[in-house]
Amino acid sequence: KQPNVTFEMQVLDEAGKPVVSKPFKGEFKEADPKTPGLMAFAPVPLDLNRTGKFKIVLKATDNIAKKSTEQALDLTVMGDK
């Protein structure tokens, strides 16, 4: 079977509160039926317009197996010096 994976990305501030009201969402899907196994993914631009410490939480869900996994990344945004 072809993969059927959805993902979401949530950006949290230092207090653990979401920076935007809705997480970014997307999916991995077959790029072209003529090339099975080739997958397409469109990255989501991340514009943080203030300095501070953030946590980026990525969640991927395998829609066939009905399983999810999460990973978090700490990110520090510094201003110009």
N, C-alpha and C. Protein backbone atom coordinates (compact mmCIF):
# COMPACT_ATOMS: atom_id res chain seq x y z
N LYS A 1 0.84 -1.19 0.00
CA LYS A 1 0.00 0.00 0.00
C LYS A 1 0.87 1.25 0.00
N GLN A 2 0.36 2.30 -0.57
CA GLN A 2 1.05 3.57 -0.54
C GLN A 2 0.90 4.19 0.86
N PRO A 3 1.90 4.93 1.31
CA PRO A 3 1.80 5.59 2.61
C PRO A 3 0.63 6.57 2.63
N ASN A 4 0.04 6.70 3.79
CA ASN A 4 -1.05 7.64 4.01
C ASN A 4 -0.75 8.30 5.35
N VAL A 5 0.04 9.38 5.31
CA VAL A 5 0.52 10.02 6.53
C VAL A 5 0.12 11.48 6.54
N THR A 6 -0.48 11.91 7.63
CA THR A 6 -0.75 13.33 7.82
C THR A 6 0.19 13.83 8.92
N PHE A 7 0.47 15.11 8.89
CA PHE A 7 1.35 15.67 9.91
C PHE A 7 0.81 17.02 10.34
N GLU A 8 1.23 17.41 11.53
CA GLU A 8 0.95 18.77 11.97
C GLU A 8 2.14 19.31 12.74
N MET A 9 2.30 20.63 12.67
CA MET A 9 3.39 21.30 13.36
C MET A 9 2.80 22.42 14.19
N GLN A 10 3.12 22.41 15.47
CA GLN A 10 2.65 23.43 16.39
C GLN A 10 3.87 24.13 16.98
N VAL A 11 3.84 25.46 17.02
CA VAL A 11 4.92 26.23 17.61
C VAL A 11 4.41 26.77 18.95
N LEU A 12 5.17 26.46 20.02
CA LEU A 12 4.79 26.88 21.36
C LEU A 12 5.80 27.90 21.88
N ASP A 13 5.31 28.85 22.70
CA ASP A 13 6.23 29.82 23.31
C ASP A 13 6.83 29.23 24.59
N GLU A 14 7.59 30.04 25.33
CA GLU A 14 8.26 29.55 26.54
C GLU A 14 7.28 29.02 27.58
N ALA A 15 6.08 29.57 27.60
CA ALA A 15 5.07 29.14 28.58
C ALA A 15 4.30 27.90 28.12
N GLY A 16 4.62 27.41 26.91
CA GLY A 16 3.93 26.24 26.39
C GLY A 16 2.62 26.56 25.68
N LYS A 17 2.40 27.85 25.40
CA LYS A 17 1.17 28.27 24.71
C LYS A 17 1.42 28.35 23.21
N PRO A 18 0.43 27.95 22.40
CA PRO A 18 0.60 28.02 20.94
C PRO A 18 0.83 29.45 20.47
N VAL A 19 1.74 29.62 19.52
CA VAL A 19 2.05 30.92 18.94
C VAL A 19 0.96 31.32 17.93
N VAL A 20 0.40 30.34 17.23
CA VAL A 20 -0.72 30.57 16.30
C VAL A 20 -1.89 29.71 16.75
N SER A 21 -3.09 30.13 16.40
CA SER A 21 -4.29 29.45 16.90
C SER A 21 -4.47 28.03 16.37
N LYS A 22 -4.05 27.79 15.13
CA LYS A 22 -4.21 26.45 14.54
C LYS A 22 -2.84 25.92 14.14
N PRO A 23 -2.58 24.63 14.38
CA PRO A 23 -1.31 24.07 13.92
C PRO A 23 -1.26 24.01 12.39
N PHE A 24 -0.05 24.02 11.84
CA PHE A 24 0.13 23.82 10.41
C PHE A 24 -0.13 22.35 10.13
N LYS A 25 -0.86 22.05 9.06
CA LYS A 25 -1.19 20.66 8.74
C LYS A 25 -0.83 20.35 7.29
N GLY A 26 -0.55 19.10 7.02
CA GLY A 26 -0.24 18.67 5.67
C GLY A 26 -0.28 17.17 5.58
N GLU A 27 0.16 16.66 4.44
CA GLU A 27 0.15 15.21 4.24
C GLU A 27 1.27 14.79 3.30
N PHE A 28 1.69 13.55 3.45
CA PHE A 28 2.59 12.92 2.50
C PHE A 28 1.70 12.15 1.55
N LYS A 29 1.93 12.32 0.28
CA LYS A 29 1.11 11.58 -0.68
C LYS A 29 1.94 11.22 -1.90
N GLU A 30 1.41 10.31 -2.67
CA GLU A 30 2.09 9.88 -3.88
C GLU A 30 2.24 11.07 -4.82
N ALA A 31 3.46 11.29 -5.32
CA ALA A 31 3.73 12.44 -6.18
C ALA A 31 3.04 12.31 -7.53
N ASP A 32 3.13 11.12 -8.11
CA ASP A 32 2.58 10.88 -9.43
C ASP A 32 2.28 9.39 -9.56
N PRO A 33 1.04 9.02 -9.91
CA PRO A 33 0.71 7.60 -10.03
C PRO A 33 1.61 6.83 -11.01
N LYS A 34 2.24 7.56 -11.95
CA LYS A 34 3.13 6.90 -12.92
C LYS A 34 4.47 6.52 -12.30
N THR A 35 4.78 7.10 -11.12
CA THR A 35 6.05 6.80 -10.45
C THR A 35 5.76 6.33 -9.02
N PRO A 36 5.26 5.10 -8.88
CA PRO A 36 4.91 4.61 -7.55
C PRO A 36 6.13 4.60 -6.63
N GLY A 37 5.89 4.96 -5.39
CA GLY A 37 6.97 4.99 -4.41
C GLY A 37 7.63 6.35 -4.28
N LEU A 38 7.45 7.24 -5.25
CA LEU A 38 8.00 8.58 -5.17
C LEU A 38 7.00 9.46 -4.43
N MET A 39 7.45 10.03 -3.32
CA MET A 39 6.55 10.81 -2.47
C MET A 39 6.86 12.30 -2.59
N ALA A 40 5.85 13.13 -2.43
CA ALA A 40 6.02 14.58 -2.47
C ALA A 40 5.69 15.16 -1.11
N PHE A 41 6.45 16.16 -0.72
CA PHE A 41 6.22 16.85 0.54
C PHE A 41 6.50 18.31 0.32
N ALA A 42 5.56 19.17 0.65
CA ALA A 42 5.75 20.61 0.51
C ALA A 42 6.05 21.19 1.89
N PRO A 43 7.26 21.71 2.12
CA PRO A 43 7.58 22.27 3.43
C PRO A 43 6.72 23.47 3.76
N VAL A 44 6.54 23.69 5.04
CA VAL A 44 5.75 24.82 5.52
C VAL A 44 6.73 25.89 5.99
N PRO A 45 6.64 27.11 5.43
CA PRO A 45 7.55 28.16 5.90
C PRO A 45 7.23 28.54 7.34
N LEU A 46 8.24 28.82 8.10
CA LEU A 46 8.07 29.17 9.51
C LEU A 46 8.61 30.58 9.71
N ASP A 47 7.71 31.55 9.89
CA ASP A 47 8.09 32.94 10.09
C ASP A 47 7.88 33.29 11.55
N LEU A 48 8.96 33.38 12.30
CA LEU A 48 8.86 33.84 13.68
C LEU A 48 9.33 35.28 13.69
N ASN A 49 8.46 36.19 14.13
CA ASN A 49 8.76 37.61 14.02
C ASN A 49 9.15 38.25 15.36
N ARG A 50 9.52 37.41 16.33
CA ARG A 50 9.98 37.95 17.60
C ARG A 50 11.05 37.03 18.19
N THR A 51 11.89 37.61 19.01
CA THR A 51 12.93 36.82 19.65
C THR A 51 12.33 36.02 20.80
N GLY A 52 13.02 34.99 21.20
CA GLY A 52 12.56 34.20 22.34
C GLY A 52 12.89 32.74 22.16
N LYS A 53 12.45 31.95 23.14
CA LYS A 53 12.65 30.51 23.08
C LYS A 53 11.31 29.87 22.73
N PHE A 54 11.37 28.95 21.79
CA PHE A 54 10.18 28.29 21.28
C PHE A 54 10.39 26.79 21.27
N LYS A 55 9.30 26.07 21.18
CA LYS A 55 9.35 24.62 21.01
C LYS A 55 8.51 24.30 19.78
N ILE A 56 9.08 23.56 18.86
CA ILE A 56 8.36 23.14 17.67
C ILE A 56 7.99 21.67 17.88
N VAL A 57 6.71 21.39 17.86
CA VAL A 57 6.22 20.02 18.07
C VAL A 57 5.69 19.49 16.74
N LEU A 58 6.28 18.40 16.28
CA LEU A 58 5.86 17.75 15.04
C LEU A 58 5.14 16.46 15.38
N LYS A 59 3.97 16.27 14.80
CA LYS A 59 3.19 15.05 15.02
C LYS A 59 2.88 14.44 13.66
N ALA A 60 3.20 13.16 13.52
CA ALA A 60 2.90 12.43 12.28
C ALA A 60 1.94 11.30 12.62
N THR A 61 0.93 11.13 11.78
CA THR A 61 -0.07 10.08 12.00
C THR A 61 -0.13 9.18 10.78
N ASP A 62 0.11 7.90 11.01
CA ASP A 62 -0.05 6.88 9.98
C ASP A 62 -1.54 6.54 9.94
N ASN A 63 -2.23 6.99 8.90
CA ASN A 63 -3.68 6.82 8.83
C ASN A 63 -4.11 5.39 8.53
N ILE A 64 -3.18 4.56 8.07
CA ILE A 64 -3.51 3.16 7.81
C ILE A 64 -3.44 2.36 9.12
N ALA A 65 -2.35 2.53 9.86
CA ALA A 65 -2.16 1.79 11.12
C ALA A 65 -2.81 2.49 12.30
N LYS A 66 -3.27 3.72 12.09
CA LYS A 66 -3.91 4.51 13.15
C LYS A 66 -2.95 4.73 14.32
N LYS A 67 -1.68 5.06 14.00
CA LYS A 67 -0.67 5.32 15.03
C LYS A 67 -0.08 6.70 14.81
N SER A 68 0.22 7.38 15.93
CA SER A 68 0.83 8.70 15.87
C SER A 68 2.14 8.71 16.63
N THR A 69 3.01 9.62 16.23
CA THR A 69 4.26 9.83 16.96
C THR A 69 4.54 11.33 16.98
N GLU A 70 5.19 11.78 18.05
CA GLU A 70 5.51 13.19 18.22
C GLU A 70 6.99 13.37 18.51
N GLN A 71 7.53 14.45 18.02
CA GLN A 71 8.90 14.86 18.32
C GLN A 71 8.88 16.36 18.57
N ALA A 72 9.74 16.80 19.47
CA ALA A 72 9.81 18.23 19.79
C ALA A 72 11.23 18.75 19.57
N LEU A 73 11.34 19.98 19.17
CA LEU A 73 12.61 20.63 18.92
C LEU A 73 12.61 21.99 19.59
N ASP A 74 13.62 22.26 20.42
CA ASP A 74 13.75 23.57 21.03
C ASP A 74 14.41 24.51 20.04
N LEU A 75 13.93 25.75 19.98
CA LEU A 75 14.44 26.73 19.03
C LEU A 75 14.56 28.07 19.71
N THR A 76 15.73 28.68 19.61
CA THR A 76 15.94 30.02 20.16
C THR A 76 16.10 30.99 18.99
N VAL A 77 15.27 32.03 18.98
CA VAL A 77 15.33 33.05 17.94
C VAL A 77 15.97 34.28 18.55
N MET A 78 17.09 34.70 17.96
CA MET A 78 17.81 35.88 18.46
C MET A 78 17.67 37.01 17.46
N GLY A 79 17.64 38.23 17.97
CA GLY A 79 17.53 39.41 17.11
C GLY A 79 18.86 39.82 16.55
N ASP A 80 18.85 40.82 15.68
CA ASP A 80 20.09 41.36 15.11
C ASP A 80 20.91 42.03 16.18
N LYS A 81 22.23 41.92 16.04
CA LYS A 81 23.13 42.59 17.00
C LYS A 81 23.72 43.81 16.38
